[in-house]
Amino acid sequence: MTHEPLDRITEAVHTPGAALDGYFSITVEGDAFGLPVTQVQTIFRIGSVTRAPGGPRDIVGLVNLRGKIVTAVSLRRRLGLTPEPGGPGALAIGVEHRGEAFALLVDEVGDVLTLTVENAIAPPPHIGKRRAKFAAGYHRIGGRILPLLNIDAVFDFSEDR
């Protein structure tokens, strides 16, 4: 997959048609993804990380988010990409999922995209199984394919135990 700056993707999203919920454009290791706006509580920089030994490797540790201790999860690691250090200063998105608070570590957060039903496409056949389980759908935007994150899969660590 070639990499295209988020601003080029954002320009192509203003397509008329039935609008879906908004999606933040996020990137990890140069790949763009859509994250449902309804899942995002806040975007912040991590102060310090307390390591949590014995957990899945995708869990970076525990962080303080406005006085609440939350689990920091690396999206890079979940996708099988080169891990980031995940320490102080890392960019995170506060997400609540099934009653538990998480900090999802990403490289970049872009604009809110309004997608349309007309842009939705079938899953591309070349996507590997590990990567495909993290996609709730795909949209063609400006000649590119934008996978929409499957939040249930991102925070499901049952296979990692």
C-alpha atoms as a PDB file:
ATOM      1  CA  MET A   1       0.000   0.000   0.000  1.00  0.00           C
ATOM      2  CA  THR A   2       1.496   3.343  -0.957  1.00  0.00           C
ATOM      3  CA  HIS A   3       1.334   6.158   1.515  1.00  0.00           C
ATOM      4  CA  GLU A   4      -0.575   9.362   0.865  1.00  0.00           C
ATOM      5  CA  PRO A   5      -0.667  12.331   3.225  1.00  0.00           C
ATOM      6  CA  LEU A   6      -3.863  12.675   5.259  1.00  0.00           C
ATOM      7  CA  ASP A   7      -4.598  16.079   3.737  1.00  0.00           C
ATOM      8  CA  ARG A   8      -4.870  14.477   0.261  1.00  0.00           C
ATOM      9  CA  ILE A   9      -7.299  11.894   1.642  1.00  0.00           C
ATOM     10  CA  THR A  10      -9.310  14.578   3.423  1.00  0.00           C
ATOM     11  CA  GLU A  11      -9.733  16.625   0.219  1.00  0.00           C
ATOM     12  CA  ALA A  12     -11.313  13.653  -1.550  1.00  0.00           C
ATOM     13  CA  VAL A  13     -13.910  12.887   1.122  1.00  0.00           C
ATOM     14  CA  HIS A  14     -16.416  15.620   0.281  1.00  0.00           C
ATOM     15  CA  THR A  15     -18.526  13.322  -1.899  1.00  0.00           C
ATOM     16  CA  PRO A  16     -22.293  13.871  -2.092  1.00  0.00           C
ATOM     17  CA  GLY A  17     -24.473  10.999  -0.920  1.00  0.00           C
ATOM     18  CA  ALA A  18     -25.789   9.367   2.230  1.00  0.00           C
ATOM     19  CA  ALA A  19     -23.331  10.267   4.988  1.00  0.00           C
ATOM     20  CA  LEU A  20     -22.184   7.762   7.575  1.00  0.00           C
ATOM     21  CA  ASP A  21     -20.948   8.662  11.059  1.00  0.00           C
ATOM     22  CA  GLY A  22     -17.772  10.741  11.177  1.00  0.00           C
ATOM     23  CA  TYR A  23     -14.356   9.096  11.347  1.00  0.00           C
ATOM     24  CA  PHE A  24     -11.062  10.495  12.556  1.00  0.00           C
ATOM     25  CA  SER A  25      -8.287   9.820  10.096  1.00  0.00           C
ATOM     26  CA  ILE A  26      -5.372   8.308  12.000  1.00  0.00           C
ATOM     27  CA  THR A  27      -2.037   6.941  10.860  1.00  0.00           C
ATOM     28  CA  VAL A  28       0.316   4.278  12.120  1.00  0.00           C
ATOM     29  CA  GLU A  29       3.591   3.653  10.329  1.00  0.00           C
ATOM     30  CA  GLY A  30       2.347   5.678   7.347  1.00  0.00           C
ATOM     31  CA  ASP A  31      -0.913   3.753   6.838  1.00  0.00           C
ATOM     32  CA  ALA A  32      -4.194   5.643   7.233  1.00  0.00           C
ATOM     33  CA  PHE A  33      -7.236   4.248   9.063  1.00  0.00           C
ATOM     34  CA  GLY A  34     -10.664   5.528  10.028  1.00  0.00           C
ATOM     35  CA  LEU A  35     -11.607   5.581  13.721  1.00  0.00           C
ATOM     36  CA  PRO A  36     -15.285   6.276  14.579  1.00  0.00           C
ATOM     37  CA  VAL A  37     -15.681   9.696  16.182  1.00  0.00           C
ATOM     38  CA  THR A  38     -18.271   8.174  18.524  1.00  0.00           C
ATOM     39  CA  GLN A  39     -15.506   6.023  20.076  1.00  0.00           C
ATOM     40  CA  VAL A  40     -13.139   8.912  20.822  1.00  0.00           C
ATOM     41  CA  GLN A  41     -13.249  10.578  24.238  1.00  0.00           C
ATOM     42  CA  THR A  42     -10.061  12.624  24.010  1.00  0.00           C
ATOM     43  CA  ILE A  43      -6.715  12.918  22.239  1.00  0.00           C
ATOM     44  CA  PHE A  44      -3.676  13.417  24.467  1.00  0.00           C
ATOM     45  CA  ARG A  45       0.054  12.958  24.946  1.00  0.00           C
ATOM     46  CA  ILE A  46       1.095  10.322  27.458  1.00  0.00           C
ATOM     47  CA  GLY A  47       2.918  11.583  30.526  1.00  0.00           C
ATOM     48  CA  SER A  48       4.428   8.450  32.032  1.00  0.00           C
ATOM     49  CA  VAL A  49       3.835   4.747  31.559  1.00  0.00           C
ATOM     50  CA  THR A  50       3.784   2.058  34.237  1.00  0.00           C
ATOM     51  CA  ARG A  51       4.728  -1.238  32.633  1.00  0.00           C
ATOM     52  CA  ALA A  52       2.331  -4.145  33.201  1.00  0.00           C
ATOM     53  CA  PRO A  53       4.422  -7.342  33.084  1.00  0.00           C
ATOM     54  CA  GLY A  54       2.758 -10.567  32.057  1.00  0.00           C
ATOM     55  CA  GLY A  55       0.170  -8.982  29.775  1.00  0.00           C
ATOM     56  CA  PRO A  56      -0.147  -9.202  25.990  1.00  0.00           C
ATOM     57  CA  ARG A  57       2.793  -7.600  24.163  1.00  0.00           C
ATOM     58  CA  ASP A  58       0.412  -5.098  22.533  1.00  0.00           C
ATOM     59  CA  ILE A  59      -0.297  -3.518  25.915  1.00  0.00           C
ATOM     60  CA  VAL A  60       2.325  -0.856  26.544  1.00  0.00           C
ATOM     61  CA  GLY A  61       1.336  -0.375  30.178  1.00  0.00           C
ATOM     62  CA  LEU A  62      -0.886   1.776  32.361  1.00  0.00           C
ATOM     63  CA  VAL A  63      -1.228   5.558  32.019  1.00  0.00           C
ATOM     64  CA  ASN A  64      -2.982   8.312  33.920  1.00  0.00           C
ATOM     65  CA  LEU A  65      -5.781  10.018  31.991  1.00  0.00           C
ATOM     66  CA  ARG A  66      -7.307  12.849  34.016  1.00  0.00           C
ATOM     67  CA  GLY A  67      -6.829  10.968  37.282  1.00  0.00           C
ATOM     68  CA  LYS A  68      -8.072   7.649  35.904  1.00  0.00           C
ATOM     69  CA  ILE A  69      -5.686   4.744  35.288  1.00  0.00           C
ATOM     70  CA  VAL A  70      -6.207   3.354  31.773  1.00  0.00           C
ATOM     71  CA  THR A  71      -4.616   0.584  29.711  1.00  0.00           C
ATOM     72  CA  ALA A  72      -2.312   1.852  26.937  1.00  0.00           C
ATOM     73  CA  VAL A  73      -2.537  -0.245  23.759  1.00  0.00           C
ATOM     74  CA  SER A  74      -0.188   0.120  20.784  1.00  0.00           C
ATOM     75  CA  LEU A  75      -2.083   0.081  17.487  1.00  0.00           C
ATOM     76  CA  ARG A  76       1.221  -0.553  15.713  1.00  0.00           C
ATOM     77  CA  ARG A  77       1.780  -3.717  17.732  1.00  0.00           C
ATOM     78  CA  ARG A  78      -1.847  -4.848  17.291  1.00  0.00           C
ATOM     79  CA  LEU A  79      -1.390  -4.573  13.511  1.00  0.00           C
ATOM     80  CA  GLY A  80       1.938  -6.435  13.570  1.00  0.00           C
ATOM     81  CA  LEU A  81       3.959  -3.346  12.605  1.00  0.00           C
ATOM     82  CA  THR A  82       7.252  -2.052  13.986  1.00  0.00           C
ATOM     83  CA  PRO A  83       6.617  -1.289  17.677  1.00  0.00           C
ATOM     84  CA  GLU A  84       7.046   2.243  18.969  1.00  0.00           C
ATOM     85  CA  PRO A  85       8.626   2.904  22.365  1.00  0.00           C
ATOM     86  CA  GLY A  86       5.252   4.023  23.756  1.00  0.00           C
ATOM     87  CA  GLY A  87       6.773   6.192  26.443  1.00  0.00           C
ATOM     88  CA  PRO A  88       6.230   9.748  27.605  1.00  0.00           C
ATOM     89  CA  GLY A  89       5.095  12.075  24.827  1.00  0.00           C
ATOM     90  CA  ALA A  90       3.465   9.341  22.746  1.00  0.00           C
ATOM     91  CA  LEU A  91       0.211  10.371  21.039  1.00  0.00           C
ATOM     92  CA  ALA A  92      -2.854   8.529  22.341  1.00  0.00           C
ATOM     93  CA  ILE A  93      -6.595   8.498  21.787  1.00  0.00           C
ATOM     94  CA  GLY A  94      -8.810   7.971  24.818  1.00  0.00           C
ATOM     95  CA  VAL A  95     -11.373   5.287  23.999  1.00  0.00           C
ATOM     96  CA  GLU A  96     -13.983   3.637  26.219  1.00  0.00           C
ATOM     97  CA  HIS A  97     -14.861   0.134  25.111  1.00  0.00           C
ATOM     98  CA  ARG A  98     -17.299  -2.147  26.908  1.00  0.00           C
ATOM     99  CA  GLY A  99     -16.950  -0.211  30.139  1.00  0.00           C
ATOM    100  CA  GLU A 100     -13.143  -0.163  30.161  1.00  0.00           C
ATOM    101  CA  ALA A 101     -10.979   2.867  29.389  1.00  0.00           C
ATOM    102  CA  PHE A 102      -8.049   2.582  26.974  1.00  0.00           C
ATOM    103  CA  ALA A 103      -5.353   4.826  25.541  1.00  0.00           C
ATOM    104  CA  LEU A 104      -4.824   3.800  21.907  1.00  0.00           C
ATOM    105  CA  LEU A 105      -1.326   4.811  20.777  1.00  0.00           C
ATOM    106  CA  VAL A 106      -1.133   6.139  17.215  1.00  0.00           C
ATOM    107  CA  ASP A 107       1.413   8.116  15.186  1.00  0.00           C
ATOM    108  CA  GLU A 108      -0.887  10.869  13.948  1.00  0.00           C
ATOM    109  CA  VAL A 109      -4.493  12.062  14.199  1.00  0.00           C
ATOM    110  CA  GLY A 110      -5.916  13.950  11.226  1.00  0.00           C
ATOM    111  CA  ASP A 111      -9.254  15.482  10.332  1.00  0.00           C
ATOM    112  CA  VAL A 112     -12.742  14.135  10.834  1.00  0.00           C
ATOM    113  CA  LEU A 113     -13.925  12.497   7.630  1.00  0.00           C
ATOM    114  CA  THR A 114     -17.527  12.176   6.520  1.00  0.00           C
ATOM    115  CA  LEU A 115     -17.800   8.973   4.529  1.00  0.00           C
ATOM    116  CA  THR A 116     -20.644   7.981   2.235  1.00  0.00           C
ATOM    117  CA  VAL A 117     -22.259   4.659   1.469  1.00  0.00           C
ATOM    118  CA  GLU A 118     -21.202   5.107  -2.167  1.00  0.00           C
ATOM    119  CA  ASN A 119     -17.519   5.014  -1.126  1.00  0.00           C
ATOM    120  CA  ALA A 120     -17.823   1.634   0.661  1.00  0.00           C
ATOM    121  CA  ILE A 121     -16.084  -1.275  -1.059  1.00  0.00           C
ATOM    122  CA  ALA A 122     -15.696  -5.005  -0.478  1.00  0.00           C
ATOM    123  CA  PRO A 123     -12.614  -6.107   1.462  1.00  0.00           C
ATOM    124  CA  PRO A 124      -9.619  -6.209  -0.875  1.00  0.00           C
ATOM    125  CA  PRO A 125      -8.512  -9.820  -1.500  1.00  0.00           C
ATOM    126  CA  HIS A 126      -4.817  -9.066  -0.826  1.00  0.00           C
ATOM    127  CA  ILE A 127      -5.310  -8.063   2.821  1.00  0.00           C
ATOM    128  CA  GLY A 128      -3.729 -10.609   5.187  1.00  0.00           C
ATOM    129  CA  LYS A 129      -5.816 -12.342   7.874  1.00  0.00           C
ATOM    130  CA  ARG A 130      -4.043 -10.597  10.766  1.00  0.00           C
ATOM    131  CA  ARG A 131      -4.738  -7.171   9.271  1.00  0.00           C
ATOM    132  CA  ALA A 132      -8.252  -7.995   7.990  1.00  0.00           C
ATOM    133  CA  LYS A 133      -9.626  -8.832  11.444  1.00  0.00           C
ATOM    134  CA  PHE A 134      -8.972  -5.237  12.521  1.00  0.00           C
ATOM    135  CA  ALA A 135     -11.083  -3.728   9.713  1.00  0.00           C
ATOM    136  CA  ALA A 136     -14.827  -3.159  10.086  1.00  0.00           C
ATOM    137  CA  GLY A 137     -15.062  -2.028   6.472  1.00  0.00           C
ATOM    138  CA  TYR A 138     -13.238  -0.309   3.647  1.00  0.00           C
ATOM    139  CA  HIS A 139     -13.867   2.912   1.731  1.00  0.00           C
ATOM    140  CA  ARG A 140     -12.358   4.145  -1.503  1.00  0.00           C
ATOM    141  CA  ILE A 141     -11.333   7.758  -1.070  1.00  0.00           C
ATOM    142  CA  GLY A 142      -9.497   9.689  -3.752  1.00  0.00           C
ATOM    143  CA  GLY A 143      -8.016   6.591  -5.371  1.00  0.00           C
ATOM    144  CA  ARG A 144      -6.972   5.136  -2.001  1.00  0.00           C
ATOM    145  CA  ILE A 145      -8.455   2.513   0.288  1.00  0.00           C
ATOM    146  CA  LEU A 146      -9.226   3.563   3.866  1.00  0.00           C
ATOM    147  CA  PRO A 147      -9.806   0.688   6.306  1.00  0.00           C
ATOM    148  CA  LEU A 148     -12.189   1.501   9.164  1.00  0.00           C
ATOM    149  CA  LEU A 149     -10.955   0.145  12.488  1.00  0.00           C
ATOM    150  CA  ASN A 150     -12.929  -2.646  14.118  1.00  0.00           C
ATOM    151  CA  ILE A 151     -12.793  -1.433  17.711  1.00  0.00           C
ATOM    152  CA  ASP A 152     -14.053  -4.777  19.050  1.00  0.00           C
ATOM    153  CA  ALA A 153     -11.086  -6.555  17.449  1.00  0.00           C
ATOM    154  CA  VAL A 154      -8.545  -3.910  18.487  1.00  0.00           C
ATOM    155  CA  PHE A 155      -9.446  -4.373  22.160  1.00  0.00           C
ATOM    156  CA  ASP A 156     -10.059  -8.138  22.092  1.00  0.00           C
ATOM    157  CA  PHE A 157      -7.034  -9.784  23.684  1.00  0.00           C
ATOM    158  CA  SER A 158      -8.609 -13.238  24.105  1.00  0.00           C
ATOM    159  CA  GLU A 159      -6.378 -14.718  21.369  1.00  0.00           C
ATOM    160  CA  ASP A 160      -3.293 -13.238  23.014  1.00  0.00           C
ATOM    161  CA  ARG A 161      -3.625 -15.163  26.291  1.00  0.00           C
END
